[in-house]
């Protein structure tokens, strides 16, 4: 299994995110940067997951309009489906979040999913 961990060229105002996908144990790094007013470049690296490696080849840039396309037609999710990503893989949403930050439409804040006991129950 090849890991895409080459050093990529740095761009002004790069947005970088680390994703731990959860129980599968795979991780990756996402780098997004503004190409122009309405476009961001994307690089996904450092993953041993074959689906994410394939995904990284399909999703190299996004436009402002593509960021806001509904999930069923969004190129981020269509590329994830094409590369065989699991439906609950958190990488595609992280790509969208990184793109929003790179376009200066969102602040760089962590997002998470945490499992905890339901009220009155123990896990």
PDB file of N, CA and C in Angstrom:
ATOM      1  N   UNK A   1       0.850  -1.178   0.000  1.00  0.00           N
ATOM      2  CA  UNK A   1       0.000   0.000   0.000  1.00  0.00           C
ATOM      3  C   UNK A   1       0.893   1.238   0.000  1.00  0.00           C
ATOM      4  N   UNK A   2       0.684   2.136  -0.949  1.00  0.00           N
ATOM      5  CA  UNK A   2       1.486   3.340  -1.050  1.00  0.00           C
ATOM      6  C   UNK A   2       0.832   4.466  -0.264  1.00  0.00           C
ATOM      7  N   UNK A   3       1.649   5.202   0.457  1.00  0.00           N
ATOM      8  CA  UNK A   3       1.154   6.351   1.203  1.00  0.00           C
ATOM      9  C   UNK A   3       1.615   7.601   0.492  1.00  0.00           C
ATOM     10  N   UNK A   4       0.694   8.494   0.168  1.00  0.00           N
ATOM     11  CA  UNK A   4       1.021   9.744  -0.502  1.00  0.00           C
ATOM     12  C   UNK A   4       1.448  10.755   0.549  1.00  0.00           C
ATOM     13  N   UNK A   5       2.749  10.784   0.847  1.00  0.00           N
ATOM     14  CA  UNK A   5       3.222  11.668   1.902  1.00  0.00           C
ATOM     15  C   UNK A   5       4.292  12.621   1.397  1.00  0.00           C
ATOM     16  N   UNK A   6       4.314  12.887   0.083  1.00  0.00           N
ATOM     17  CA  UNK A   6       5.293  13.812  -0.455  1.00  0.00           C
ATOM     18  C   UNK A   6       5.077  15.190   0.153  1.00  0.00           C
ATOM     19  N   UNK A   7       6.141  15.965   0.130  1.00  0.00           N
ATOM     20  CA  UNK A   7       6.040  17.340   0.615  1.00  0.00           C
ATOM     21  C   UNK A   7       5.451  18.183  -0.510  1.00  0.00           C
ATOM     22  N   UNK A   8       4.367  18.859  -0.234  1.00  0.00           N
ATOM     23  CA  UNK A   8       3.713  19.691  -1.227  1.00  0.00           C
ATOM     24  C   UNK A   8       4.176  21.125  -1.080  1.00  0.00           C
ATOM     25  N   UNK A   9       4.103  21.842  -2.170  1.00  0.00           N
ATOM     26  CA  UNK A   9       4.467  23.252  -2.167  1.00  0.00           C
ATOM     27  C   UNK A   9       3.537  24.013  -1.235  1.00  0.00           C
ATOM     28  N   UNK A  10       4.111  24.921  -0.473  1.00  0.00           N
ATOM     29  CA  UNK A  10       3.313  25.729   0.446  1.00  0.00           C
ATOM     30  C   UNK A  10       2.736  26.927  -0.297  1.00  0.00           C
ATOM     31  N   UNK A  11       1.539  27.311   0.064  1.00  0.00           N
ATOM     32  CA  UNK A  11       0.853  28.439  -0.548  1.00  0.00           C
ATOM     33  C   UNK A  11       0.539  29.454   0.542  1.00  0.00           C
ATOM     34  N   UNK A  12       0.438  30.720   0.186  1.00  0.00           N
ATOM     35  CA  UNK A  12       0.060  31.708   1.210  1.00  0.00           C
ATOM     36  C   UNK A  12      -1.289  31.342   1.817  1.00  0.00           C
ATOM     37  N   UNK A  13      -1.393  31.489   3.108  1.00  0.00           N
ATOM     38  CA  UNK A  13      -2.647  31.232   3.825  1.00  0.00           C
ATOM     39  C   UNK A  13      -3.175  29.812   3.634  1.00  0.00           C
ATOM     40  N   UNK A  14      -2.281  28.830   3.653  1.00  0.00           N
ATOM     41  CA  UNK A  14      -2.738  27.441   3.601  1.00  0.00           C
ATOM     42  C   UNK A  14      -3.623  27.150   4.806  1.00  0.00           C
ATOM     43  N   UNK A  15      -4.643  26.349   4.594  1.00  0.00           N
ATOM     44  CA  UNK A  15      -5.472  25.826   5.665  1.00  0.00           C
ATOM     45  C   UNK A  15      -5.176  24.343   5.738  1.00  0.00           C
ATOM     46  N   UNK A  16      -4.738  23.867   6.891  1.00  0.00           N
ATOM     47  CA  UNK A  16      -4.403  22.450   7.051  1.00  0.00           C
ATOM     48  C   UNK A  16      -5.255  21.833   8.148  1.00  0.00           C
ATOM     49  N   UNK A  17      -5.696  20.596   7.902  1.00  0.00           N
ATOM     50  CA  UNK A  17      -6.519  19.884   8.880  1.00  0.00           C
ATOM     51  C   UNK A  17      -6.050  18.438   8.960  1.00  0.00           C
ATOM     52  N   UNK A  18      -6.082  17.886  10.148  1.00  0.00           N
ATOM     53  CA  UNK A  18      -5.763  16.485  10.379  1.00  0.00           C
ATOM     54  C   UNK A  18      -7.079  15.777  10.685  1.00  0.00           C
ATOM     55  N   UNK A  19      -7.318  14.638  10.036  1.00  0.00           N
ATOM     56  CA  UNK A  19      -8.557  13.892  10.242  1.00  0.00           C
ATOM     57  C   UNK A  19      -8.232  12.500  10.765  1.00  0.00           C
ATOM     58  N   UNK A  20      -8.835  12.148  11.891  1.00  0.00           N
ATOM     59  CA  UNK A  20      -8.793  10.800  12.426  1.00  0.00           C
ATOM     60  C   UNK A  20     -10.174  10.225  12.145  1.00  0.00           C
ATOM     61  N   UNK A  21     -10.234   9.262  11.235  1.00  0.00           N
ATOM     62  CA  UNK A  21     -11.529   8.777  10.755  1.00  0.00           C
ATOM     63  C   UNK A  21     -12.290   7.907  11.750  1.00  0.00           C
ATOM     64  N   UNK A  22     -11.662   7.487  12.827  1.00  0.00           N
ATOM     65  CA  UNK A  22     -12.395   6.734  13.844  1.00  0.00           C
ATOM     66  C   UNK A  22     -11.994   5.285  13.920  1.00  0.00           C
ATOM     67  N   UNK A  23     -12.974   4.404  14.001  1.00  0.00           N
ATOM     68  CA  UNK A  23     -12.740   2.995  14.277  1.00  0.00           C
ATOM     69  C   UNK A  23     -11.890   2.310  13.213  1.00  0.00           C
ATOM     70  N   UNK A  24     -11.878   2.794  11.976  1.00  0.00           N
ATOM     71  CA  UNK A  24     -11.041   2.189  10.931  1.00  0.00           C
ATOM     72  C   UNK A  24      -9.558   2.403  11.213  1.00  0.00           C
ATOM     73  N   UNK A  25      -9.246   3.433  12.010  1.00  0.00           N
ATOM     74  CA  UNK A  25      -7.863   3.696  12.376  1.00  0.00           C
ATOM     75  C   UNK A  25      -7.086   4.516  11.373  1.00  0.00           C
ATOM     76  N   UNK A  26      -7.709   4.902  10.264  1.00  0.00           N
ATOM     77  CA  UNK A  26      -7.005   5.681   9.247  1.00  0.00           C
ATOM     78  C   UNK A  26      -7.055   7.175   9.562  1.00  0.00           C
ATOM     79  N   UNK A  27      -6.021   7.855   9.156  1.00  0.00           N
ATOM     80  CA  UNK A  27      -5.929   9.306   9.306  1.00  0.00           C
ATOM     81  C   UNK A  27      -5.530   9.904   7.965  1.00  0.00           C
ATOM     82  N   UNK A  28      -5.639  11.213   7.853  1.00  0.00           N
ATOM     83  CA  UNK A  28      -5.129  11.907   6.680  1.00  0.00           C
ATOM     84  C   UNK A  28      -4.937  13.380   7.014  1.00  0.00           C
ATOM     85  N   UNK A  29      -4.247  14.054   6.146  1.00  0.00           N
ATOM     86  CA  UNK A  29      -4.075  15.500   6.228  1.00  0.00           C
ATOM     87  C   UNK A  29      -4.706  16.122   4.999  1.00  0.00           C
ATOM     88  N   UNK A  30      -5.388  17.227   5.234  1.00  0.00           N
ATOM     89  CA  UNK A  30      -6.025  17.976   4.150  1.00  0.00           C
ATOM     90  C   UNK A  30      -5.405  19.360   4.125  1.00  0.00           C
ATOM     91  N   UNK A  31      -4.990  19.795   2.955  1.00  0.00           N
ATOM     92  CA  UNK A  31      -4.493  21.159   2.793  1.00  0.00           C
ATOM     93  C   UNK A  31      -5.356  21.839   1.740  1.00  0.00           C
ATOM     94  N   UNK A  32      -5.838  23.036   2.066  1.00  0.00           N
ATOM     95  CA  UNK A  32      -6.650  23.824   1.137  1.00  0.00           C
ATOM     96  C   UNK A  32      -6.047  25.223   1.063  1.00  0.00           C
ATOM     97  N   UNK A  33      -6.081  25.818  -0.106  1.00  0.00           N
ATOM     98  CA  UNK A  33      -5.575  27.178  -0.284  1.00  0.00           C
ATOM     99  C   UNK A  33      -6.368  27.871  -1.375  1.00  0.00           C
ATOM    100  N   UNK A  34      -6.456  29.168  -1.245  1.00  0.00           N
ATOM    101  CA  UNK A  34      -7.208  29.969  -2.197  1.00  0.00           C
ATOM    102  C   UNK A  34      -6.400  30.124  -3.484  1.00  0.00           C
ATOM    103  N   UNK A  35      -6.986  29.708  -4.602  1.00  0.00           N
ATOM    104  CA  UNK A  35      -6.376  29.886  -5.920  1.00  0.00           C
ATOM    105  C   UNK A  35      -6.743  31.265  -6.453  1.00  0.00           C
ATOM    106  N   UNK A  36      -8.021  31.579  -6.348  1.00  0.00           N
ATOM    107  CA  UNK A  36      -8.517  32.906  -6.698  1.00  0.00           C
ATOM    108  C   UNK A  36      -9.738  33.179  -5.831  1.00  0.00           C
ATOM    109  N   UNK A  37     -10.451  34.240  -6.118  1.00  0.00           N
ATOM    110  CA  UNK A  37     -11.569  34.657  -5.261  1.00  0.00           C
ATOM    111  C   UNK A  37     -12.627  33.572  -5.050  1.00  0.00           C
ATOM    112  N   UNK A  38     -12.833  32.710  -6.063  1.00  0.00           N
ATOM    113  CA  UNK A  38     -13.908  31.720  -5.986  1.00  0.00           C
ATOM    114  C   UNK A  38     -13.449  30.272  -6.130  1.00  0.00           C
ATOM    115  N   UNK A  39     -12.143  30.004  -5.967  1.00  0.00           N
ATOM    116  CA  UNK A  39     -11.639  28.646  -6.148  1.00  0.00           C
ATOM    117  C   UNK A  39     -10.583  28.316  -5.107  1.00  0.00           C
ATOM    118  N   UNK A  40     -10.630  27.089  -4.595  1.00  0.00           N
ATOM    119  CA  UNK A  40      -9.592  26.606  -3.688  1.00  0.00           C
ATOM    120  C   UNK A  40      -8.934  25.364  -4.275  1.00  0.00           C
ATOM    121  N   UNK A  41      -7.643  25.240  -4.008  1.00  0.00           N
ATOM    122  CA  UNK A  41      -6.920  24.024  -4.337  1.00  0.00           C
ATOM    123  C   UNK A  41      -6.964  23.096  -3.140  1.00  0.00           C
ATOM    124  N   UNK A  42      -6.884  21.792  -3.394  1.00  0.00           N
ATOM    125  CA  UNK A  42      -6.971  20.791  -2.322  1.00  0.00           C
ATOM    126  C   UNK A  42      -5.909  19.721  -2.500  1.00  0.00           C
ATOM    127  N   UNK A  43      -5.308  19.312  -1.409  1.00  0.00           N
ATOM    128  CA  UNK A  43      -4.395  18.177  -1.391  1.00  0.00           C
ATOM    129  C   UNK A  43      -4.736  17.337  -0.170  1.00  0.00           C
ATOM    130  N   UNK A  44      -4.936  16.048  -0.385  1.00  0.00           N
ATOM    131  CA  UNK A  44      -5.191  15.111   0.711  1.00  0.00           C
ATOM    132  C   UNK A  44      -4.008  14.144   0.713  1.00  0.00           C
ATOM    133  N   UNK A  45      -3.346  14.024   1.853  1.00  0.00           N
ATOM    134  CA  UNK A  45      -2.134  13.213   1.911  1.00  0.00           C
ATOM    135  C   UNK A  45      -2.053  12.438   3.213  1.00  0.00           C
ATOM    136  N   UNK A  46      -1.002  11.636   3.310  1.00  0.00           N
ATOM    137  CA  UNK A  46      -0.644  10.907   4.531  1.00  0.00           C
ATOM    138  C   UNK A  46      -1.725   9.946   5.003  1.00  0.00           C
ATOM    139  N   UNK A  47      -2.374   9.264   4.057  1.00  0.00           N
ATOM    140  CA  UNK A  47      -3.368   8.266   4.440  1.00  0.00           C
ATOM    141  C   UNK A  47      -2.981   6.907   3.890  1.00  0.00           C
ATOM    142  N   UNK A  48      -3.141   5.873   4.720  1.00  0.00           N
ATOM    143  CA  UNK A  48      -2.919   4.503   4.277  1.00  0.00           C
ATOM    144  C   UNK A  48      -4.207   3.876   3.741  1.00  0.00           C
ATOM    145  N   UNK A  49      -5.314   4.611   3.790  1.00  0.00           N
ATOM    146  CA  UNK A  49      -6.600   4.118   3.279  1.00  0.00           C
ATOM    147  C   UNK A  49      -6.610   4.222   1.750  1.00  0.00           C
ATOM    148  N   UNK A  50      -6.801   3.096   1.080  1.00  0.00           N
ATOM    149  CA  UNK A  50      -6.800   3.088  -0.382  1.00  0.00           C
ATOM    150  C   UNK A  50      -7.923   3.962  -0.942  1.00  0.00           C
ATOM    151  N   UNK A  51      -9.087   3.954  -0.293  1.00  0.00           N
ATOM    152  CA  UNK A  51     -10.194   4.768  -0.779  1.00  0.00           C
ATOM    153  C   UNK A  51      -9.848   6.267  -0.694  1.00  0.00           C
ATOM    154  N   UNK A  52      -9.192   6.683   0.377  1.00  0.00           N
ATOM    155  CA  UNK A  52      -8.814   8.091   0.515  1.00  0.00           C
ATOM    156  C   UNK A  52      -7.706   8.444  -0.473  1.00  0.00           C
ATOM    157  N   UNK A  53      -6.802   7.519  -0.728  1.00  0.00           N
ATOM    158  CA  UNK A  53      -5.781   7.766  -1.745  1.00  0.00           C
ATOM    159  C   UNK A  53      -6.440   7.980  -3.111  1.00  0.00           C
ATOM    160  N   UNK A  54      -7.415   7.131  -3.440  1.00  0.00           N
ATOM    161  CA  UNK A  54      -8.146   7.291  -4.704  1.00  0.00           C
ATOM    162  C   UNK A  54      -8.928   8.602  -4.708  1.00  0.00           C
ATOM    163  N   UNK A  55      -9.554   8.905  -3.600  1.00  0.00           N
ATOM    164  CA  UNK A  55     -10.332  10.140  -3.444  1.00  0.00           C
ATOM    165  C   UNK A  55      -9.460  11.370  -3.679  1.00  0.00           C
ATOM    166  N   UNK A  56      -8.247  11.332  -3.139  1.00  0.00           N
ATOM    167  CA  UNK A  56      -7.355  12.494  -3.258  1.00  0.00           C
ATOM    168  C   UNK A  56      -7.024  12.818  -4.715  1.00  0.00           C
ATOM    169  N   UNK A  57      -7.064  11.815  -5.568  1.00  0.00           N
ATOM    170  CA  UNK A  57      -6.803  12.037  -6.997  1.00  0.00           C
ATOM    171  C   UNK A  57      -8.007  12.676  -7.698  1.00  0.00           C
ATOM    172  N   UNK A  58      -9.190  12.498  -7.142  1.00  0.00           N
ATOM    173  CA  UNK A  58     -10.413  12.988  -7.772  1.00  0.00           C
ATOM    174  C   UNK A  58     -10.797  14.402  -7.356  1.00  0.00           C
ATOM    175  N   UNK A  59     -10.367  14.829  -6.188  1.00  0.00           N
ATOM    176  CA  UNK A  59     -10.832  16.102  -5.641  1.00  0.00           C
ATOM    177  C   UNK A  59      -9.629  17.020  -5.422  1.00  0.00           C
ATOM    178  N   UNK A  60      -9.272  17.792  -6.462  1.00  0.00           N
ATOM    179  CA  UNK A  60      -8.082  18.643  -6.442  1.00  0.00           C
ATOM    180  C   UNK A  60      -8.393  20.126  -6.263  1.00  0.00           C
ATOM    181  N   UNK A  61      -9.615  20.518  -6.577  1.00  0.00           N
ATOM    182  CA  UNK A  61     -10.030  21.901  -6.346  1.00  0.00           C
ATOM    183  C   UNK A  61     -11.544  21.988  -6.286  1.00  0.00           C
ATOM    184  N   UNK A  62     -12.024  23.064  -5.693  1.00  0.00           N
ATOM    185  CA  UNK A  62     -13.458  23.324  -5.565  1.00  0.00           C
ATOM    186  C   UNK A  62     -13.719  24.788  -5.832  1.00  0.00           C
ATOM    187  N   UNK A  63     -14.874  25.056  -6.412  1.00  0.00           N
ATOM    188  CA  UNK A  63     -15.294  26.445  -6.579  1.00  0.00           C
ATOM    189  C   UNK A  63     -16.255  26.812  -5.453  1.00  0.00           C
ATOM    190  N   UNK A  64     -16.444  28.090  -5.286  1.00  0.00           N
ATOM    191  CA  UNK A  64     -17.380  28.593  -4.277  1.00  0.00           C
ATOM    192  C   UNK A  64     -18.756  27.963  -4.472  1.00  0.00           C
ATOM    193  N   UNK A  65     -19.240  27.916  -5.698  1.00  0.00           N
ATOM    194  CA  UNK A  65     -20.560  27.333  -5.964  1.00  0.00           C
ATOM    195  C   UNK A  65     -20.613  25.859  -5.587  1.00  0.00           C
ATOM    196  N   UNK A  66     -19.540  25.104  -5.861  1.00  0.00           N
ATOM    197  CA  UNK A  66     -19.531  23.677  -5.555  1.00  0.00           C
ATOM    198  C   UNK A  66     -19.583  23.400  -4.053  1.00  0.00           C
ATOM    199  N   UNK A  67     -19.013  24.284  -3.261  1.00  0.00           N
ATOM    200  CA  UNK A  67     -19.039  24.108  -1.804  1.00  0.00           C
ATOM    201  C   UNK A  67     -20.477  24.064  -1.288  1.00  0.00           C
ATOM    202  N   UNK A  68     -21.369  24.813  -1.924  1.00  0.00           N
ATOM    203  CA  UNK A  68     -22.743  24.924  -1.435  1.00  0.00           C
ATOM    204  C   UNK A  68     -23.758  24.068  -2.185  1.00  0.00           C
ATOM    205  N   UNK A  69     -23.288  23.187  -3.069  1.00  0.00           N
ATOM    206  CA  UNK A  69     -24.198  22.279  -3.762  1.00  0.00           C
ATOM    207  C   UNK A  69     -24.719  21.261  -2.730  1.00  0.00           C
ATOM    208  N   UNK A  70     -26.010  20.934  -2.755  1.00  0.00           N
ATOM    209  CA  UNK A  70     -26.547  19.943  -1.809  1.00  0.00           C
ATOM    210  C   UNK A  70     -25.773  18.621  -1.888  1.00  0.00           C
ATOM    211  N   UNK A  71     -25.751  17.911  -0.784  1.00  0.00           N
ATOM    212  CA  UNK A  71     -24.937  16.695  -0.658  1.00  0.00           C
ATOM    213  C   UNK A  71     -25.170  15.690  -1.780  1.00  0.00           C
ATOM    214  N   UNK A  72     -26.393  15.527  -2.229  1.00  0.00           N
ATOM    215  CA  UNK A  72     -26.681  14.514  -3.254  1.00  0.00           C
ATOM    216  C   UNK A  72     -26.075  14.839  -4.614  1.00  0.00           C
ATOM    217  N   UNK A  73     -25.679  16.099  -4.821  1.00  0.00           N
ATOM    218  CA  UNK A  73     -25.055  16.510  -6.083  1.00  0.00           C
ATOM    219  C   UNK A  73     -23.680  17.140  -5.877  1.00  0.00           C
ATOM    220  N   UNK A  74     -23.220  17.189  -4.634  1.00  0.00           N
ATOM    221  CA  UNK A  74     -21.965  17.861  -4.317  1.00  0.00           C
ATOM    222  C   UNK A  74     -20.774  17.046  -4.829  1.00  0.00           C
ATOM    223  N   UNK A  75     -19.853  17.688  -5.568  1.00  0.00           N
ATOM    224  CA  UNK A  75     -18.709  16.950  -6.118  1.00  0.00           C
ATOM    225  C   UNK A  75     -17.820  16.317  -5.046  1.00  0.00           C
ATOM    226  N   UNK A  76     -17.798  16.873  -3.850  1.00  0.00           N
ATOM    227  CA  UNK A  76     -17.018  16.293  -2.755  1.00  0.00           C
ATOM    228  C   UNK A  76     -17.574  14.923  -2.385  1.00  0.00           C
ATOM    229  N   UNK A  77     -18.883  14.820  -2.254  1.00  0.00           N
ATOM    230  CA  UNK A  77     -19.507  13.550  -1.901  1.00  0.00           C
ATOM    231  C   UNK A  77     -19.577  12.589  -3.089  1.00  0.00           C
ATOM    232  N   UNK A  78     -19.744  13.115  -4.297  1.00  0.00           N
ATOM    233  CA  UNK A  78     -19.751  12.252  -5.486  1.00  0.00           C
ATOM    234  C   UNK A  78     -18.387  11.599  -5.684  1.00  0.00           C
ATOM    235  N   UNK A  79     -17.310  12.356  -5.457  1.00  0.00           N
ATOM    236  CA  UNK A  79     -15.955  11.796  -5.558  1.00  0.00           C
ATOM    237  C   UNK A  79     -15.720  10.756  -4.467  1.00  0.00           C
ATOM    238  N   UNK A  80     -16.247  11.008  -3.266  1.00  0.00           N
ATOM    239  CA  UNK A  80     -16.115  10.034  -2.175  1.00  0.00           C
ATOM    240  C   UNK A  80     -16.820   8.733  -2.535  1.00  0.00           C
ATOM    241  N   UNK A  81     -18.003   8.843  -3.107  1.00  0.00           N
ATOM    242  CA  UNK A  81     -18.736   7.645  -3.529  1.00  0.00           C
ATOM    243  C   UNK A  81     -17.978   6.913  -4.633  1.00  0.00           C
ATOM    244  N   UNK A  82     -17.467   7.655  -5.604  1.00  0.00           N
ATOM    245  CA  UNK A  82     -16.736   7.064  -6.720  1.00  0.00           C
ATOM    246  C   UNK A  82     -15.478   6.322  -6.254  1.00  0.00           C
ATOM    247  N   UNK A  83     -14.833   6.834  -5.208  1.00  0.00           N
ATOM    248  CA  UNK A  83     -13.609   6.206  -4.721  1.00  0.00           C
ATOM    249  C   UNK A  83     -13.874   5.095  -3.701  1.00  0.00           C
ATOM    250  N   UNK A  84     -15.135   4.880  -3.352  1.00  0.00           N
ATOM    251  CA  UNK A  84     -15.498   3.785  -2.463  1.00  0.00           C
ATOM    252  C   UNK A  84     -15.428   4.108  -0.983  1.00  0.00           C
ATOM    253  N   UNK A  85     -15.431   5.388  -0.642  1.00  0.00           N
ATOM    254  CA  UNK A  85     -15.405   5.770   0.778  1.00  0.00           C
ATOM    255  C   UNK A  85     -16.674   5.280   1.469  1.00  0.00           C
ATOM    256  N   UNK A  86     -16.547   4.902   2.720  1.00  0.00           N
ATOM    257  CA  UNK A  86     -17.682   4.500   3.536  1.00  0.00           C
ATOM    258  C   UNK A  86     -18.618   5.701   3.686  1.00  0.00           C
ATOM    259  N   UNK A  87     -19.900   5.460   3.731  1.00  0.00           N
ATOM    260  CA  UNK A  87     -20.879   6.550   3.806  1.00  0.00           C
ATOM    261  C   UNK A  87     -20.677   7.454   5.018  1.00  0.00           C
ATOM    262  N   UNK A  88     -20.153   6.916   6.117  1.00  0.00           N
ATOM    263  CA  UNK A  88     -19.967   7.740   7.308  1.00  0.00           C
ATOM    264  C   UNK A  88     -18.527   8.236   7.476  1.00  0.00           C
ATOM    265  N   UNK A  89     -17.714   8.117   6.447  1.00  0.00           N
ATOM    266  CA  UNK A  89     -16.333   8.614   6.511  1.00  0.00           C
ATOM    267  C   UNK A  89     -16.350  10.128   6.734  1.00  0.00           C
ATOM    268  N   UNK A  90     -15.593  10.622   7.715  1.00  0.00           N
ATOM    269  CA  UNK A  90     -15.601  12.058   8.005  1.00  0.00           C
ATOM    270  C   UNK A  90     -14.710  12.897   7.077  1.00  0.00           C
ATOM    271  N   UNK A  91     -13.937  12.262   6.206  1.00  0.00           N
ATOM    272  CA  UNK A  91     -13.011  13.027   5.358  1.00  0.00           C
ATOM    273  C   UNK A  91     -13.739  13.983   4.416  1.00  0.00           C
ATOM    274  N   UNK A  92     -14.792  13.587   3.716  1.00  0.00           N
ATOM    275  CA  UNK A  92     -15.441  14.542   2.819  1.00  0.00           C
ATOM    276  C   UNK A  92     -15.943  15.810   3.518  1.00  0.00           C
ATOM    277  N   UNK A  93     -16.542  15.679   4.685  1.00  0.00           N
ATOM    278  CA  UNK A  93     -17.010  16.880   5.374  1.00  0.00           C
ATOM    279  C   UNK A  93     -15.817  17.732   5.812  1.00  0.00           C
ATOM    280  N   UNK A  94     -14.701  17.095   6.165  1.00  0.00           N
ATOM    281  CA  UNK A  94     -13.491  17.843   6.524  1.00  0.00           C
ATOM    282  C   UNK A  94     -12.945  18.602   5.320  1.00  0.00           C
ATOM    283  N   UNK A  95     -13.060  18.013   4.128  1.00  0.00           N
ATOM    284  CA  UNK A  95     -12.645  18.706   2.904  1.00  0.00           C
ATOM    285  C   UNK A  95     -13.485  19.971   2.721  1.00  0.00           C
ATOM    286  N   UNK A  96     -14.789  19.849   2.898  1.00  0.00           N
ATOM    287  CA  UNK A  96     -15.660  21.020   2.762  1.00  0.00           C
ATOM    288  C   UNK A  96     -15.341  22.079   3.810  1.00  0.00           C
ATOM    289  N   UNK A  97     -15.115  21.660   5.046  1.00  0.00           N
ATOM    290  CA  UNK A  97     -14.786  22.619   6.106  1.00  0.00           C
ATOM    291  C   UNK A  97     -13.475  23.332   5.790  1.00  0.00           C
ATOM    292  N   UNK A  98     -12.458  22.588   5.351  1.00  0.00           N
ATOM    293  CA  UNK A  98     -11.166  23.187   5.007  1.00  0.00           C
ATOM    294  C   UNK A  98     -11.318  24.172   3.843  1.00  0.00           C
ATOM    295  N   UNK A  99     -12.137  23.822   2.859  1.00  0.00           N
ATOM    296  CA  UNK A  99     -12.375  24.727   1.730  1.00  0.00           C
ATOM    297  C   UNK A  99     -13.041  26.020   2.198  1.00  0.00           C
ATOM    298  N   UNK A 100     -14.017  25.906   3.089  1.00  0.00           N
ATOM    299  CA  UNK A 100     -14.685  27.104   3.614  1.00  0.00           C
ATOM    300  C   UNK A 100     -13.707  28.006   4.355  1.00  0.00           C
ATOM    301  N   UNK A 101     -12.809  27.421   5.139  1.00  0.00           N
ATOM    302  CA  UNK A 101     -11.825  28.212   5.875  1.00  0.00           C
ATOM    303  C   UNK A 101     -10.851  28.866   4.907  1.00  0.00           C
ATOM    304  N   UNK A 102     -10.385  28.113   3.913  1.00  0.00           N
ATOM    305  CA  UNK A 102      -9.446  28.673   2.935  1.00  0.00           C
ATOM    306  C   UNK A 102     -10.069  29.827   2.156  1.00  0.00           C
ATOM    307  N   UNK A 103     -11.384  29.762   1.916  1.00  0.00           N
ATOM    308  CA  UNK A 103     -12.095  30.835   1.208  1.00  0.00           C
ATOM    309  C   UNK A 103     -12.481  31.976   2.146  1.00  0.00           C
ATOM    310  N   UNK A 104     -12.093  31.849   3.417  1.00  0.00           N
ATOM    311  CA  UNK A 104     -12.387  32.850   4.434  1.00  0.00           C
ATOM    312  C   UNK A 104     -13.886  33.044   4.669  1.00  0.00           C
ATOM    313  N   UNK A 105     -14.624  31.918   4.560  1.00  0.00           N
ATOM    314  CA  UNK A 105     -16.059  31.933   4.815  1.00  0.00           C
ATOM    315  C   UNK A 105     -16.390  31.303   6.165  1.00  0.00           C
ATOM    316  N   UNK A 106     -15.382  30.744   6.821  1.00  0.00           N
ATOM    317  CA  UNK A 106     -15.575  30.108   8.127  1.00  0.00           C
ATOM    318  C   UNK A 106     -14.284  30.257   8.918  1.00  0.00           C
ATOM    319  N   UNK A 107     -14.419  30.196  10.224  1.00  0.00           N
ATOM    320  CA  UNK A 107     -13.245  30.247  11.094  1.00  0.00           C
ATOM    321  C   UNK A 107     -12.682  28.842  11.286  1.00  0.00           C
ATOM    322  N   UNK A 108     -11.380  28.717  11.466  1.00  0.00           N
ATOM    323  CA  UNK A 108     -10.777  27.395  11.660  1.00  0.00           C
ATOM    324  C   UNK A 108     -11.018  26.865  13.073  1.00  0.00           C
ATOM    325  N   UNK A 109     -12.133  26.194  13.270  1.00  0.00           N
ATOM    326  CA  UNK A 109     -12.471  25.620  14.565  1.00  0.00           C
ATOM    327  C   UNK A 109     -12.650  24.115  14.412  1.00  0.00           C
ATOM    328  N   UNK A 110     -12.218  23.368  15.427  1.00  0.00           N
ATOM    329  CA  UNK A 110     -12.360  21.913  15.412  1.00  0.00           C
ATOM    330  C   UNK A 110     -13.831  21.516  15.447  1.00  0.00           C
ATOM    331  N   UNK A 111     -14.136  20.424  14.782  1.00  0.00           N
ATOM    332  CA  UNK A 111     -15.462  19.809  14.844  1.00  0.00           C
ATOM    333  C   UNK A 111     -15.249  18.389  15.354  1.00  0.00           C
ATOM    334  N   UNK A 112     -16.231  17.812  16.024  1.00  0.00           N
ATOM    335  CA  UNK A 112     -16.039  16.458  16.537  1.00  0.00           C
ATOM    336  C   UNK A 112     -17.372  15.742  16.696  1.00  0.00           C
ATOM    337  N   UNK A 113     -17.261  14.431  16.797  1.00  0.00           N
ATOM    338  CA  UNK A 113     -18.394  13.579  17.151  1.00  0.00           C
ATOM    339  C   UNK A 113     -17.920  12.789  18.357  1.00  0.00           C
ATOM    340  N   UNK A 114     -18.640  12.854  19.440  1.00  0.00           N
ATOM    341  CA  UNK A 114     -18.239  12.138  20.643  1.00  0.00           C
ATOM    342  C   UNK A 114     -19.394  11.257  21.092  1.00  0.00           C
ATOM    343  N   UNK A 115     -19.115   9.992  21.326  1.00  0.00           N
ATOM    344  CA  UNK A 115     -20.138   9.087  21.820  1.00  0.00           C
ATOM    345  C   UNK A 115     -20.098   9.097  23.334  1.00  0.00           C
ATOM    346  N   UNK A 116     -21.273   9.134  23.917  1.00  0.00           N
ATOM    347  CA  UNK A 116     -21.382   9.171  25.373  1.00  0.00           C
ATOM    348  C   UNK A 116     -22.628   8.409  25.783  1.00  0.00           C
ATOM    349  N   UNK A 117     -22.731   8.059  27.063  1.00  0.00           N
ATOM    350  CA  UNK A 117     -23.920   7.336  27.521  1.00  0.00           C
ATOM    351  C   UNK A 117     -25.186   8.164  27.318  1.00  0.00           C
ATOM    352  N   UNK A 118     -26.266   7.510  26.961  1.00  0.00           N
ATOM    353  CA  UNK A 118     -27.552   8.179  26.904  1.00  0.00           C
ATOM    354  C   UNK A 118     -27.978   8.470  28.338  1.00  0.00           C
ATOM    355  N   UNK A 119     -28.810   9.445  28.532  1.00  0.00           N
ATOM    356  CA  UNK A 119     -29.263   9.802  29.893  1.00  0.00           C
ATOM    357  C   UNK A 119     -29.865   8.567  30.554  1.00  0.00           C
ATOM    358  N   UNK A 120     -29.370   8.267  31.739  1.00  0.00           N
ATOM    359  CA  UNK A 120     -29.890   7.135  32.502  1.00  0.00           C
ATOM    360  C   UNK A 120     -29.299   5.796  32.088  1.00  0.00           C
ATOM    361  N   UNK A 121     -28.340   5.797  31.164  1.00  0.00           N
ATOM    362  CA  UNK A 121     -27.710   4.540  30.721  1.00  0.00           C
ATOM    363  C   UNK A 121     -26.205   4.645  30.851  1.00  0.00           C
ATOM    364  N   UNK A 122     -25.567   3.502  30.919  1.00  0.00           N
ATOM    365  CA  UNK A 122     -24.113   3.464  30.914  1.00  0.00           C
ATOM    366  C   UNK A 122     -23.658   2.781  29.637  1.00  0.00           C
ATOM    367  N   UNK A 123     -22.495   3.208  29.113  1.00  0.00           N
ATOM    368  CA  UNK A 123     -21.934   2.583  27.914  1.00  0.00           C
ATOM    369  C   UNK A 123     -20.869   1.606  28.333  1.00  0.00           C
TER     370      UNK A 123
END
